[in-house]
């Protein structure tokens, strides 16, 4: 295999591996669910994208044509990771999981809880009568 292809793929693998490590440590060490959302959605997504792009480079060189499957996996991962994080955050708000006290944006969480809370049962009874 060409030295330059191996060097580029190795550099991208190291780049991806570092981001995967940072994302995994962040997922294990951050204190609450709202902070833990940042580790897998940002660092780990970038890390796995680096690994997949390095794989795409190596496979494209071996097959002597562009390897589309790794690029598609990377694209789908980059698209779906923020959506999954949004759903986890909404579930945490729905279950009223409180963040730790030093989390910034506490007033935003209170506003989001007010917007997503269902109407009181008394208000519905008054409308029917």
Protein backbone atom coordinates (compact mmCIF):
# COMPACT_ATOMS: atom_id res chain seq x y z
CA UNK A 1 0.00 0.00 0.00
CA UNK A 2 1.12 3.54 -0.68
CA UNK A 3 2.94 5.19 2.23
CA UNK A 4 1.02 8.46 1.88
CA UNK A 5 -2.35 6.75 1.94
CA UNK A 6 -1.35 4.86 5.08
CA UNK A 7 -0.02 8.05 6.70
CA UNK A 8 -3.20 10.00 5.98
CA UNK A 9 -5.45 7.17 7.16
CA UNK A 10 -3.35 6.72 10.31
CA UNK A 11 -3.50 10.43 11.12
CA UNK A 12 -7.27 10.47 10.70
CA UNK A 13 -7.58 7.31 12.82
CA UNK A 14 -5.54 8.89 15.62
CA UNK A 15 -7.67 12.05 15.34
CA UNK A 16 -10.86 9.98 15.54
CA UNK A 17 -9.50 7.84 18.37
CA UNK A 18 -8.67 10.89 20.47
CA UNK A 19 -12.18 12.27 20.02
CA UNK A 20 -13.71 8.88 20.83
CA UNK A 21 -11.63 8.70 24.02
CA UNK A 22 -12.60 12.23 25.07
CA UNK A 23 -16.27 11.54 24.34
CA UNK A 24 -16.21 8.29 26.31
CA UNK A 25 -14.52 9.91 29.29
CA UNK A 26 -17.02 12.76 29.14
CA UNK A 27 -19.93 10.34 29.08
CA UNK A 28 -18.59 8.58 32.17
CA UNK A 29 -17.49 11.63 34.14
CA UNK A 30 -20.04 14.38 33.54
CA UNK A 31 -22.47 14.71 36.46
CA UNK A 32 -25.98 15.00 35.00
CA UNK A 33 -27.93 13.90 31.94
CA UNK A 34 -27.97 17.36 30.36
CA UNK A 35 -24.19 17.64 30.43
CA UNK A 36 -23.73 14.01 29.37
CA UNK A 37 -25.58 14.74 26.14
CA UNK A 38 -22.63 16.76 24.85
CA UNK A 39 -20.11 13.93 25.00
CA UNK A 40 -21.76 11.44 22.63
CA UNK A 41 -23.28 13.99 20.32
CA UNK A 42 -20.21 16.08 19.71
CA UNK A 43 -16.95 14.33 20.51
CA UNK A 44 -17.95 10.74 19.86
CA UNK A 45 -19.74 11.57 16.61
CA UNK A 46 -16.67 13.39 15.34
CA UNK A 47 -14.46 10.49 16.46
CA UNK A 48 -16.47 7.79 14.73
CA UNK A 49 -16.67 9.98 11.64
CA UNK A 50 -12.86 10.10 11.62
CA UNK A 51 -12.62 6.32 11.89
CA UNK A 52 -15.15 5.83 9.09
CA UNK A 53 -13.44 8.35 6.80
CA UNK A 54 -10.08 6.62 7.37
CA UNK A 55 -11.76 3.33 6.48
CA UNK A 56 -13.22 4.95 3.38
CA UNK A 57 -9.77 6.14 2.29
CA UNK A 58 -8.21 2.70 2.73
CA UNK A 59 -11.06 0.86 1.00
CA UNK A 60 -11.14 3.35 -1.86
CA UNK A 61 -7.42 2.84 -2.41
CA UNK A 62 -7.73 -0.97 -2.33
CA UNK A 63 -10.78 -1.13 -4.60
CA UNK A 64 -9.50 1.65 -6.88
CA UNK A 65 -12.95 3.28 -6.75
CA UNK A 66 -14.79 5.43 -4.25
CA UNK A 67 -16.17 3.50 -1.29
CA UNK A 68 -19.62 4.96 -0.70
CA UNK A 69 -20.82 2.80 2.20
CA UNK A 70 -18.55 4.42 4.82
CA UNK A 71 -19.51 7.88 3.61
CA UNK A 72 -23.20 7.05 3.90
CA UNK A 73 -22.76 5.64 7.40
CA UNK A 74 -20.90 8.83 8.40
CA UNK A 75 -23.62 11.01 6.90
CA UNK A 76 -26.43 9.14 8.67
CA UNK A 77 -24.54 9.22 11.96
CA UNK A 78 -23.95 12.97 11.74
CA UNK A 79 -27.62 13.54 10.91
CA UNK A 80 -29.11 11.25 13.57
CA UNK A 81 -26.87 12.01 16.59
CA UNK A 82 -28.29 15.50 17.28
CA UNK A 83 -31.85 14.22 16.81
CA UNK A 84 -31.25 11.42 19.31
CA UNK A 85 -29.74 13.88 21.80
CA UNK A 86 -32.77 16.12 21.42
CA UNK A 87 -35.09 13.20 22.15
CA UNK A 88 -33.07 12.24 25.26
CA UNK A 89 -33.20 15.85 26.49
CA UNK A 90 -36.97 15.99 25.94
CA UNK A 91 -37.40 12.71 27.82
CA UNK A 92 -35.32 14.08 30.71
CA UNK A 93 -37.48 17.20 30.79
CA UNK A 94 -40.65 15.12 30.63
CA UNK A 95 -39.53 13.01 33.58
CA UNK A 96 -38.53 16.22 35.40
CA UNK A 97 -34.92 15.23 35.94
CA UNK A 98 -33.29 18.22 37.60
CA UNK A 99 -29.82 19.34 36.57
CA UNK A 100 -27.10 19.96 39.11
CA UNK A 101 -27.05 23.44 40.64
CA UNK A 102 -23.99 24.70 38.77
CA UNK A 103 -25.53 23.95 35.35
CA UNK A 104 -26.00 27.19 33.45
CA UNK A 105 -29.36 27.98 31.89
CA UNK A 106 -31.57 26.83 34.77
CA UNK A 107 -34.22 29.37 33.75
CA UNK A 108 -34.34 27.84 30.26
CA UNK A 109 -35.10 24.42 31.74
CA UNK A 110 -37.92 25.93 33.84
CA UNK A 111 -39.35 27.62 30.74
CA UNK A 112 -39.18 24.38 28.75
CA UNK A 113 -40.95 22.49 31.55
CA UNK A 114 -43.76 25.08 31.53
CA UNK A 115 -44.20 24.80 27.77
CA UNK A 116 -44.29 21.00 27.71
CA UNK A 117 -46.47 20.43 30.76
CA UNK A 118 -49.99 19.20 29.97
CA UNK A 119 -52.97 21.38 30.94
CA UNK A 120 -54.44 20.91 34.38
CA UNK A 121 -57.45 18.54 34.61
CA UNK A 122 -59.62 21.29 36.16
CA UNK A 123 -59.14 23.50 33.10
CA UNK A 124 -60.40 20.72 30.80
CA UNK A 125 -63.48 20.09 32.97
CA UNK A 126 -64.41 23.78 32.87
CA UNK A 127 -64.31 23.80 29.05
CA UNK A 128 -66.68 20.85 28.73
CA UNK A 129 -69.40 22.36 30.95
